[in-house]
């Protein structure tokens, strides 16, 4: 076999209890310019495999304290990217199948020729190199895409860019705060894809969109039969996020009992599925977001102080659109171009009158509201330039309540809380949009919107000719 110069730094762990075979394998790999570490017991091999920096594991099937399949399964459960080869003197189709199912990439029968062994090693390492190169390319692309999604040049959004660049390389928990629709999940994505975890999964969950009894199962997983309806087992999103980032949106809606369990996961880095006696190690970075003042919620005893301080290691505040100045123009042009291209329409710009209107409007739904209205206007537009007539719903609302300038200062007022903004938004536009559209524009689940309606005494009688929806399940 021709030795490639790049292989000189690759490290191989060999688990073999037969001194003669172990030394032969060590010498063979060393002669091929690999770095080799040799251990003779399974427990030590598993410990070294999960804690050491190795590129390949080669293990015998029969060992004094446990078999090689147990080592392979143990490594695979940690989620680390370590190719594994099983060696055995016992030729069996069943063993070969079991080895591959457990996570091995190859299976070698002893005695073997030197060339066959080295070819198997090179194949396993080559596949790993390709995976890593693809992951690196994917990471670079995602970084570019993630950064491109956050658009703007205002001082407030530039400060967000700066914070993302500073905090992304760390593993610290981050609390992202801002009104609904400001782009908190985009900030979370940008942090993830600019971090060392970018090759791992980004797993978002909206804590306000799922009932508490189902949210626990979604997060922690469950065993088969753990509760009525659990006909199959589920690993849960926390285990799915192993090696990556978990984004907990609307964290303020998390039930007190789940707050306790989440705090335990963050502190102990272990997950216990519902109905299981086993705990599993999890390596997850936590990003959380809220459109409510969590510090106030903590003082009101609706959010645990210990969880708040665990999540709020670093705080990023995303400014509302009304405080971002000319970013409204930049975002509007971006959304016009994006949706025109997607819909195959030739919209070349916005009229001066419309631009003035967009700058003066209060934007209670923030960037999400702007994009929603631009998309709707592009769909309905009859000319190649959007005008205020294409935003007739807002114009009609503004006619009833005063000018757009009045709306931003007097009709709502800057002193109102975020919840008041949401309430005012729903009151004004509940007959212009469907329930699902309102929830999407506000960045909350339909159930969360329904709960707020009840709190505010807003009994929905229907919108745009639709029957009033029942409470979401």
Protein backbone atom coordinates (compact mmCIF):
# COMPACT_ATOMS: atom_id res chain seq x y z
CA UNK A 1 0.00 0.00 0.00
CA UNK A 2 1.29 3.46 -0.86
CA UNK A 3 1.52 5.65 2.22
CA UNK A 4 0.03 9.09 1.80
CA UNK A 5 1.88 11.88 3.60
CA UNK A 6 -1.37 13.22 5.07
CA UNK A 7 -1.89 9.98 7.02
CA UNK A 8 1.10 10.59 9.30
CA UNK A 9 -1.03 12.47 11.82
CA UNK A 10 -3.96 10.02 11.99
CA UNK A 11 -4.29 8.15 15.28
CA UNK A 12 -5.61 4.61 15.62
CA UNK A 13 -6.72 2.88 18.83
CA UNK A 14 -6.32 -0.91 18.83
CA UNK A 15 -8.11 -3.06 21.43
CA UNK A 16 -6.63 -6.59 21.37
CA UNK A 17 -5.92 -8.94 24.30
CA UNK A 18 -3.67 -11.37 22.38
CA UNK A 19 -0.14 -9.92 22.81
CA UNK A 20 1.14 -11.46 19.57
CA UNK A 21 -1.73 -10.19 17.41
CA UNK A 22 -1.72 -6.81 19.14
CA UNK A 23 1.99 -6.26 18.56
CA UNK A 24 1.72 -7.41 14.93
CA UNK A 25 -1.09 -4.93 14.25
CA UNK A 26 0.79 -2.15 16.02
CA UNK A 27 3.95 -2.72 13.99
CA UNK A 28 1.99 -2.99 10.74
CA UNK A 29 0.17 0.31 11.31
CA UNK A 30 3.28 2.09 12.58
CA UNK A 31 5.18 1.01 9.46
CA UNK A 32 2.40 2.64 7.42
CA UNK A 33 3.07 5.91 9.34
CA UNK A 34 0.00 5.85 11.59
CA UNK A 35 0.17 6.75 15.27
CA UNK A 36 -1.01 3.69 17.23
CA UNK A 37 -2.18 3.16 20.81
CA UNK A 38 -2.69 -0.44 22.00
CA UNK A 39 -4.84 -1.55 24.97
CA UNK A 40 -5.84 -5.06 26.00
CA UNK A 41 -9.14 -4.69 27.88
CA UNK A 42 -12.56 -3.60 26.63
CA UNK A 43 -13.39 -1.19 29.44
CA UNK A 44 -10.13 0.68 28.97
CA UNK A 45 -10.64 0.68 25.20
CA UNK A 46 -14.11 2.21 25.49
CA UNK A 47 -12.86 4.86 27.93
CA UNK A 48 -9.95 5.80 25.64
CA UNK A 49 -12.17 5.79 22.54
CA UNK A 50 -14.70 8.27 23.95
CA UNK A 51 -12.21 10.50 25.75
CA UNK A 52 -9.20 10.40 23.41
CA UNK A 53 -8.63 12.07 20.06
CA UNK A 54 -8.61 9.11 17.68
CA UNK A 55 -9.40 8.79 13.98
CA UNK A 56 -10.12 5.04 13.96
CA UNK A 57 -10.90 2.22 16.41
CA UNK A 58 -9.88 -1.38 15.66
CA UNK A 59 -11.18 -3.90 18.23
CA UNK A 60 -11.18 -7.64 18.65
CA UNK A 61 -14.54 -9.39 19.19
CA UNK A 62 -13.51 -11.56 22.15
CA UNK A 63 -11.95 -9.67 25.07
CA UNK A 64 -11.43 -10.66 28.74
CA UNK A 65 -14.03 -8.32 30.24
CA UNK A 66 -16.49 -7.63 27.40
CA UNK A 67 -16.91 -8.18 23.68
CA UNK A 68 -15.98 -5.78 20.90
CA UNK A 69 -19.62 -5.24 19.94
CA UNK A 70 -20.24 -3.65 23.37
CA UNK A 71 -17.38 -1.22 22.74
CA UNK A 72 -18.76 -0.33 19.31
CA UNK A 73 -22.25 0.27 20.71
CA UNK A 74 -20.86 2.33 23.58
CA UNK A 75 -18.91 4.59 21.21
CA UNK A 76 -21.88 4.95 18.87
CA UNK A 77 -24.16 6.05 21.75
CA UNK A 78 -21.89 9.01 22.48
CA UNK A 79 -22.47 10.34 18.96
CA UNK A 80 -18.77 10.96 18.25
CA UNK A 81 -17.54 10.51 14.68
CA UNK A 82 -15.19 7.54 15.08
CA UNK A 83 -15.09 4.81 12.41
CA UNK A 84 -14.69 1.30 13.89
CA UNK A 85 -13.44 -2.02 12.54
CA UNK A 86 -14.19 -5.36 14.23
CA UNK A 87 -11.60 -8.21 14.14
CA UNK A 88 -12.51 -11.80 14.98
CA UNK A 89 -11.31 -15.37 14.55
CA UNK A 90 -14.93 -16.56 14.40
CA UNK A 91 -16.37 -16.29 10.91
CA UNK A 92 -20.12 -15.79 11.16
CA UNK A 93 -22.60 -13.98 8.93
CA UNK A 94 -24.72 -13.14 11.99
CA UNK A 95 -21.74 -11.59 13.78
CA UNK A 96 -20.84 -9.56 10.69
CA UNK A 97 -24.39 -8.23 10.37
CA UNK A 98 -24.54 -7.43 14.09
CA UNK A 99 -21.20 -5.58 13.88
CA UNK A 100 -22.43 -3.38 11.04
CA UNK A 101 -25.76 -2.75 12.74
CA UNK A 102 -23.96 -1.74 15.93
CA UNK A 103 -21.95 0.89 14.08
CA UNK A 104 -18.82 -0.80 12.69
CA UNK A 105 -17.74 0.23 9.19
CA UNK A 106 -15.94 -3.03 8.43
CA UNK A 107 -15.43 -6.61 9.64
CA UNK A 108 -12.14 -8.53 9.31
CA UNK A 109 -11.60 -12.28 9.78
CA UNK A 110 -8.34 -13.42 11.43
CA UNK A 111 -5.89 -14.44 10.19
CA UNK A 112 -5.81 -11.71 7.54
CA UNK A 113 -3.22 -10.57 5.03
CA UNK A 114 -1.34 -7.35 5.71
CA UNK A 115 -2.61 -5.76 2.49
CA UNK A 116 -6.27 -6.63 3.22
CA UNK A 117 -5.98 -5.17 6.71
CA UNK A 118 -4.31 -1.95 5.58
CA UNK A 119 -6.81 -1.50 2.76
CA UNK A 120 -9.68 -1.80 5.28
CA UNK A 121 -8.02 0.80 7.50
CA UNK A 122 -7.44 3.18 4.58
CA UNK A 123 -11.05 2.82 3.38
CA UNK A 124 -12.41 3.66 6.82
CA UNK A 125 -10.14 6.69 7.21
CA UNK A 126 -10.81 7.90 3.66
CA UNK A 127 -14.58 7.82 4.26
CA UNK A 128 -14.08 9.82 7.45
CA UNK A 129 -11.97 12.42 5.63
CA UNK A 130 -14.67 12.81 2.98
CA UNK A 131 -17.37 13.24 5.66
CA UNK A 132 -15.32 15.91 7.40
CA UNK A 133 -14.56 17.77 4.16
CA UNK A 134 -18.27 17.74 3.26
CA UNK A 135 -19.17 18.93 6.76
CA UNK A 136 -16.62 21.74 6.49
CA UNK A 137 -18.09 22.82 3.15
CA UNK A 138 -21.60 22.58 4.57
CA UNK A 139 -20.51 24.63 7.57
CA UNK A 140 -19.03 27.34 5.36
CA UNK A 141 -22.20 27.50 3.27
CA UNK A 142 -24.43 27.63 6.32
CA UNK A 143 -22.33 30.41 7.84
CA UNK A 144 -22.78 32.46 4.69
CA UNK A 145 -26.51 31.71 4.49
CA UNK A 146 -27.06 32.32 8.22
CA UNK A 147 -25.30 35.67 8.12
CA UNK A 148 -27.13 36.69 4.94
CA UNK A 149 -30.54 36.19 6.59
CA UNK A 150 -29.91 38.98 9.12
CA UNK A 151 -30.22 42.10 7.03
CA UNK A 152 -29.71 45.71 8.06
CA UNK A 153 -27.24 48.53 8.60
CA UNK A 154 -28.65 50.29 11.67
CA UNK A 155 -26.54 50.73 14.80
CA UNK A 156 -28.79 48.33 16.72
CA UNK A 157 -28.48 45.48 14.23
CA UNK A 158 -24.72 46.07 13.82
CA UNK A 159 -24.41 45.61 17.57
CA UNK A 160 -26.21 42.26 17.21
CA UNK A 161 -23.73 41.25 14.45
CA UNK A 162 -20.84 42.14 16.75
CA UNK A 163 -22.23 40.14 19.67
CA UNK A 164 -22.84 37.08 17.45
CA UNK A 165 -19.20 37.13 16.31
CA UNK A 166 -17.97 37.38 19.91
CA UNK A 167 -20.18 34.74 21.52
CA UNK A 168 -20.39 32.12 18.74
CA UNK A 169 -16.99 30.48 19.44
CA UNK A 170 -17.87 29.88 23.10
CA UNK A 171 -20.22 27.23 24.53
CA UNK A 172 -22.04 29.65 26.83
CA UNK A 173 -25.82 29.65 27.09
CA UNK A 174 -27.40 32.73 25.52
CA UNK A 175 -30.72 34.45 26.11
CA UNK A 176 -32.05 36.29 23.05
CA UNK A 177 -34.73 38.83 23.84
CA UNK A 178 -36.90 40.97 21.64
CA UNK A 179 -40.45 41.52 20.49
CA UNK A 180 -42.26 38.95 18.37
CA UNK A 181 -41.16 39.02 14.76
CA UNK A 182 -37.77 40.69 15.31
CA UNK A 183 -35.79 37.66 14.10
CA UNK A 184 -34.65 35.96 17.31
CA UNK A 185 -34.46 32.53 15.66
CA UNK A 186 -32.31 33.97 12.85
CA UNK A 187 -29.90 35.24 15.50
CA UNK A 188 -29.85 31.77 17.09
CA UNK A 189 -29.14 30.15 13.71
CA UNK A 190 -26.33 32.61 13.01
CA UNK A 191 -24.74 31.83 16.39
CA UNK A 192 -24.96 28.08 15.76
CA UNK A 193 -23.55 28.15 12.23
CA UNK A 194 -20.69 30.44 13.25
CA UNK A 195 -19.77 28.16 16.16
CA UNK A 196 -17.59 25.02 16.43
CA UNK A 197 -20.89 23.10 16.72
CA UNK A 198 -22.03 24.04 13.21
CA UNK A 199 -21.45 20.49 11.95
CA UNK A 200 -23.94 19.27 14.56
CA UNK A 201 -27.73 19.69 14.50
CA UNK A 202 -29.62 22.91 15.14
CA UNK A 203 -32.83 21.85 16.89
CA UNK A 204 -35.49 24.54 17.48
CA UNK A 205 -38.65 24.08 19.53
CA UNK A 206 -41.39 26.56 20.34
CA UNK A 207 -42.23 26.06 24.02
CA UNK A 208 -45.45 28.03 23.65
CA UNK A 209 -46.85 26.02 20.74
CA UNK A 210 -46.99 22.59 22.41
CA UNK A 211 -49.09 21.61 25.45
CA UNK A 212 -46.97 20.99 28.57
CA UNK A 213 -47.82 17.29 28.79
CA UNK A 214 -46.61 16.73 25.22
CA UNK A 215 -43.67 19.12 25.43
CA UNK A 216 -41.99 16.99 28.11
CA UNK A 217 -42.09 13.95 25.83
CA UNK A 218 -40.89 16.01 22.85
CA UNK A 219 -37.89 17.29 24.77
CA UNK A 220 -36.85 14.31 26.87
CA UNK A 221 -38.17 11.41 24.80
CA UNK A 222 -40.04 8.39 26.15
CA UNK A 223 -40.02 4.61 26.24
CA UNK A 224 -42.67 2.48 24.60
CA UNK A 225 -45.73 2.42 26.87
CA UNK A 226 -44.49 5.30 29.04
CA UNK A 227 -47.96 6.84 28.78
CA UNK A 228 -51.22 6.24 26.96
CA UNK A 229 -50.56 6.58 23.25
CA UNK A 230 -46.80 5.95 23.45
CA UNK A 231 -46.91 3.02 21.04
CA UNK A 232 -43.26 3.48 20.05
CA UNK A 233 -40.19 4.81 21.83
CA UNK A 234 -38.82 8.28 21.07
CA UNK A 235 -35.32 9.60 21.73
CA UNK A 236 -36.50 13.19 22.21
CA UNK A 237 -35.18 16.47 20.86
CA UNK A 238 -32.49 16.89 23.55
CA UNK A 239 -30.79 13.69 22.43
CA UNK A 240 -31.35 14.63 18.80
CA UNK A 241 -29.46 17.88 19.50
CA UNK A 242 -26.40 15.98 20.87
CA UNK A 243 -23.25 17.64 19.57
CA UNK A 244 -25.19 20.68 18.37
CA UNK A 245 -27.46 23.45 19.57
CA UNK A 246 -30.94 23.45 21.11
CA UNK A 247 -32.97 26.63 20.53
CA UNK A 248 -35.80 27.07 23.05
CA UNK A 249 -38.16 29.70 21.67
CA UNK A 250 -40.80 31.26 23.93
CA UNK A 251 -38.95 29.85 26.95
CA UNK A 252 -41.19 31.96 29.20
CA UNK A 253 -44.10 29.59 28.38
CA UNK A 254 -42.29 26.58 29.87
CA UNK A 255 -44.28 25.01 32.72
CA UNK A 256 -42.66 25.15 36.21
CA UNK A 257 -42.15 21.37 36.37
CA UNK A 258 -40.37 21.39 33.01
CA UNK A 259 -38.24 24.33 34.10
CA UNK A 260 -36.88 22.12 36.91
CA UNK A 261 -36.13 19.23 34.53
CA UNK A 262 -34.48 21.49 31.96
CA UNK A 263 -32.29 23.05 34.64
CA UNK A 264 -31.14 19.55 35.65
CA UNK A 265 -30.21 18.73 32.04
CA UNK A 266 -28.19 21.95 31.69
CA UNK A 267 -26.36 21.33 34.99
CA UNK A 268 -25.78 17.57 34.79
CA UNK A 269 -25.69 17.15 30.98
CA UNK A 270 -27.85 14.04 31.26
CA UNK A 271 -31.31 13.18 29.93
CA UNK A 272 -33.76 10.63 31.35
CA UNK A 273 -36.58 9.74 28.91
CA UNK A 274 -40.09 9.36 30.32
CA UNK A 275 -40.62 5.82 31.61
CA UNK A 276 -36.90 4.96 31.50
CA UNK A 277 -34.53 4.09 34.35
CA UNK A 278 -31.52 4.96 32.23
CA UNK A 279 -29.92 8.36 31.79
CA UNK A 280 -28.01 9.40 28.69
CA UNK A 281 -25.18 11.89 28.40
CA UNK A 282 -25.98 14.84 26.19
CA UNK A 283 -23.65 17.49 24.82
CA UNK A 284 -25.87 20.42 23.88
CA UNK A 285 -25.46 24.18 23.78
CA UNK A 286 -28.61 26.02 24.86
CA UNK A 287 -29.94 29.16 23.23
CA UNK A 288 -33.24 30.52 24.49
CA UNK A 289 -35.52 33.32 23.36
CA UNK A 290 -38.39 35.24 24.85
CA UNK A 291 -40.56 38.19 23.90
CA UNK A 292 -41.44 38.67 27.57
CA UNK A 293 -39.28 40.28 30.23
CA UNK A 294 -37.86 37.15 31.90
CA UNK A 295 -36.36 39.16 34.74
CA UNK A 296 -39.83 40.45 35.57
CA UNK A 297 -41.24 36.91 35.20
CA UNK A 298 -38.57 35.74 37.66
CA UNK A 299 -39.57 38.45 40.13
CA UNK A 300 -43.22 37.43 39.65
CA UNK A 301 -42.26 33.82 40.49
CA UNK A 302 -43.46 32.51 37.13
CA UNK A 303 -39.93 31.73 35.95
CA UNK A 304 -37.25 30.08 38.06
CA UNK A 305 -34.37 32.34 39.05
CA UNK A 306 -31.80 29.52 38.85
CA UNK A 307 -32.87 28.64 35.30
CA UNK A 308 -32.88 32.33 34.32
CA UNK A 309 -29.27 32.77 35.45
CA UNK A 310 -28.22 29.51 33.76
CA UNK A 311 -29.65 30.66 30.43
CA UNK A 312 -28.74 34.33 30.75
CA UNK A 313 -24.96 33.92 30.74
CA UNK A 314 -24.94 36.25 27.73
CA UNK A 315 -27.88 38.42 26.71
CA UNK A 316 -28.59 39.60 23.17
CA UNK A 317 -31.37 42.12 22.66
CA UNK A 318 -32.79 42.29 19.12
CA UNK A 319 -34.16 45.79 18.41
CA UNK A 320 -37.73 46.24 17.13
CA UNK A 321 -38.11 47.31 13.51
CA UNK A 322 -39.46 50.76 14.46
CA UNK A 323 -36.06 51.52 16.07
CA UNK A 324 -33.98 50.41 13.10
CA UNK A 325 -34.33 53.51 10.93
CA UNK A 326 -33.54 52.94 7.25
CA UNK A 327 -33.43 49.16 7.75
CA UNK A 328 -37.13 49.23 6.86
CA UNK A 329 -36.23 50.35 3.32
CA UNK A 330 -33.43 47.78 3.02
CA UNK A 331 -35.64 44.94 4.24
CA UNK A 332 -38.60 46.00 2.10
CA UNK A 333 -36.47 45.98 -1.07
CA UNK A 334 -34.98 42.63 -0.10
CA UNK A 335 -38.41 41.04 0.43
CA UNK A 336 -39.76 42.53 -2.81
CA UNK A 337 -36.85 41.04 -4.76
CA UNK A 338 -37.06 37.71 -2.96
CA UNK A 339 -40.79 37.14 -3.40
CA UNK A 340 -40.89 38.59 -6.91
CA UNK A 341 -38.24 36.11 -7.99
CA UNK A 342 -39.98 33.22 -6.23
CA UNK A 343 -43.38 34.09 -7.70
CA UNK A 344 -42.06 34.90 -11.18
CA UNK A 345 -43.28 38.51 -11.10
CA UNK A 346 -41.49 41.64 -12.30
CA UNK A 347 -41.76 44.07 -9.39
CA UNK A 348 -39.07 46.70 -9.80
CA UNK A 349 -39.54 48.76 -6.62
CA UNK A 350 -41.75 50.76 -4.27
CA UNK A 351 -43.35 54.16 -4.81
CA UNK A 352 -42.08 57.17 -2.80
CA UNK A 353 -45.44 57.41 -1.07
CA UNK A 354 -45.27 53.77 0.00
CA UNK A 355 -41.69 54.10 1.26
CA UNK A 356 -42.71 57.08 3.38
CA UNK A 357 -45.62 55.08 4.76
CA UNK A 358 -43.42 52.09 5.60
CA UNK A 359 -40.94 54.33 7.44
CA UNK A 360 -43.64 55.95 9.57
CA UNK A 361 -45.66 52.82 10.37
CA UNK A 362 -45.19 51.40 13.88
CA UNK A 363 -44.66 47.71 12.85
CA UNK A 364 -46.07 45.94 15.93
CA UNK A 365 -45.35 42.62 14.16
CA UNK A 366 -41.80 43.75 13.26
CA UNK A 367 -39.84 42.11 10.42
CA UNK A 368 -42.21 39.16 10.19
CA UNK A 369 -45.14 41.52 9.63
CA UNK A 370 -43.20 43.46 6.99
CA UNK A 371 -42.30 40.31 5.06
CA UNK A 372 -45.84 38.96 5.29
CA UNK A 373 -47.34 42.17 3.92
CA UNK A 374 -44.71 42.51 1.17
CA UNK A 375 -45.36 38.95 0.02
CA UNK A 376 -49.11 39.57 -0.03
CA UNK A 377 -48.63 42.83 -1.95
CA UNK A 378 -46.38 41.16 -4.53
CA UNK A 379 -48.98 38.43 -5.09
CA UNK A 380 -51.82 40.92 -5.60
CA UNK A 381 -49.91 43.68 -7.42
CA UNK A 382 -51.11 44.65 -10.92
CA UNK A 383 -48.17 46.93 -11.76
CA UNK A 384 -44.40 46.66 -11.57
CA UNK A 385 -44.16 49.20 -8.71
CA UNK A 386 -45.79 48.63 -5.31
CA UNK A 387 -47.86 51.52 -3.96
CA UNK A 388 -49.80 52.23 -0.77
CA UNK A 389 -52.87 50.80 -2.51
CA UNK A 390 -51.22 47.39 -2.29
CA UNK A 391 -51.26 47.80 1.51
CA UNK A 392 -54.92 48.72 1.72
CA UNK A 393 -55.59 46.66 4.86
CA UNK A 394 -53.10 48.68 6.91
CA UNK A 395 -54.17 51.93 5.25
CA UNK A 396 -57.80 51.30 6.25
CA UNK A 397 -56.77 50.53 9.80
CA UNK A 398 -54.66 53.69 9.95
CA UNK A 399 -57.53 55.82 8.61
CA UNK A 400 -59.63 54.73 11.59
CA UNK A 401 -56.93 55.34 14.20
CA UNK A 402 -55.02 58.30 12.82
CA UNK A 403 -51.89 58.70 10.73
CA UNK A 404 -49.08 56.20 10.72
CA UNK A 405 -47.03 58.70 12.68
CA UNK A 406 -49.81 58.98 15.27
CA UNK A 407 -49.96 55.21 15.43
CA UNK A 408 -46.34 54.93 16.44
CA UNK A 409 -46.51 57.50 19.25
CA UNK A 410 -50.08 58.11 20.44
CA UNK A 411 -52.30 55.21 19.44
CA UNK A 412 -50.02 52.61 21.04
CA UNK A 413 -47.25 54.55 22.73
CA UNK A 414 -43.66 53.51 23.30
CA UNK A 415 -44.27 52.93 26.98
CA UNK A 416 -46.56 49.93 26.44
CA UNK A 417 -45.24 46.45 27.25
CA UNK A 418 -44.55 43.83 24.58
CA UNK A 419 -47.70 41.97 25.61
CA UNK A 420 -49.70 45.18 25.06
CA UNK A 421 -48.19 45.54 21.60
CA UNK A 422 -49.29 42.00 20.77
CA UNK A 423 -52.75 42.61 22.20
CA UNK A 424 -53.15 45.83 20.21
CA UNK A 425 -51.91 44.10 17.07
CA UNK A 426 -54.44 41.27 17.47
CA UNK A 427 -57.29 43.68 18.25
CA UNK A 428 -56.57 45.75 15.14
CA UNK A 429 -55.92 42.99 12.63
CA UNK A 430 -57.94 40.00 13.82
CA UNK A 431 -60.51 40.52 11.06
CA UNK A 432 -57.91 41.08 8.34
CA UNK A 433 -55.97 37.84 8.79
CA UNK A 434 -56.70 34.24 9.65
CA UNK A 435 -55.81 32.78 13.04
CA UNK A 436 -52.81 30.94 11.58
CA UNK A 437 -51.54 34.08 9.80
CA UNK A 438 -51.81 36.17 12.98
CA UNK A 439 -49.92 33.55 15.00
CA UNK A 440 -47.21 33.27 12.32
CA UNK A 441 -46.79 37.06 12.08
CA UNK A 442 -46.43 37.27 15.87
CA UNK A 443 -44.08 34.28 16.05
CA UNK A 444 -46.24 32.30 18.49
CA UNK A 445 -48.25 29.09 18.27
CA UNK A 446 -52.00 29.08 17.66
CA UNK A 447 -52.56 27.69 21.16
CA UNK A 448 -50.50 30.52 22.67
CA UNK A 449 -52.57 33.03 20.69
CA UNK A 450 -55.80 31.37 21.84
CA UNK A 451 -54.67 31.56 25.50
CA UNK A 452 -53.90 35.26 25.09
CA UNK A 453 -57.31 35.89 23.46
CA UNK A 454 -59.04 34.39 26.48
CA UNK A 455 -56.87 36.45 28.82
CA UNK A 456 -57.79 39.65 26.95
CA UNK A 457 -61.46 38.73 26.56
CA UNK A 458 -61.24 38.65 22.74
CA UNK A 459 -63.83 36.13 21.56
CA UNK A 460 -63.04 35.49 17.91
CA UNK A 461 -66.15 35.58 15.74
CA UNK A 462 -64.33 34.65 12.52
CA UNK A 463 -62.15 36.40 9.94
CA UNK A 464 -62.43 37.01 6.24
CA UNK A 465 -65.64 34.99 6.08
CA UNK A 466 -64.19 31.98 7.94
CA UNK A 467 -65.82 30.27 10.87
CA UNK A 468 -64.12 30.98 14.19
CA UNK A 469 -61.59 28.22 14.88
CA UNK A 470 -61.86 26.05 17.96
CA UNK A 471 -59.16 26.12 20.57
CA UNK A 472 -56.07 24.41 19.19
CA UNK A 473 -55.37 20.95 20.52
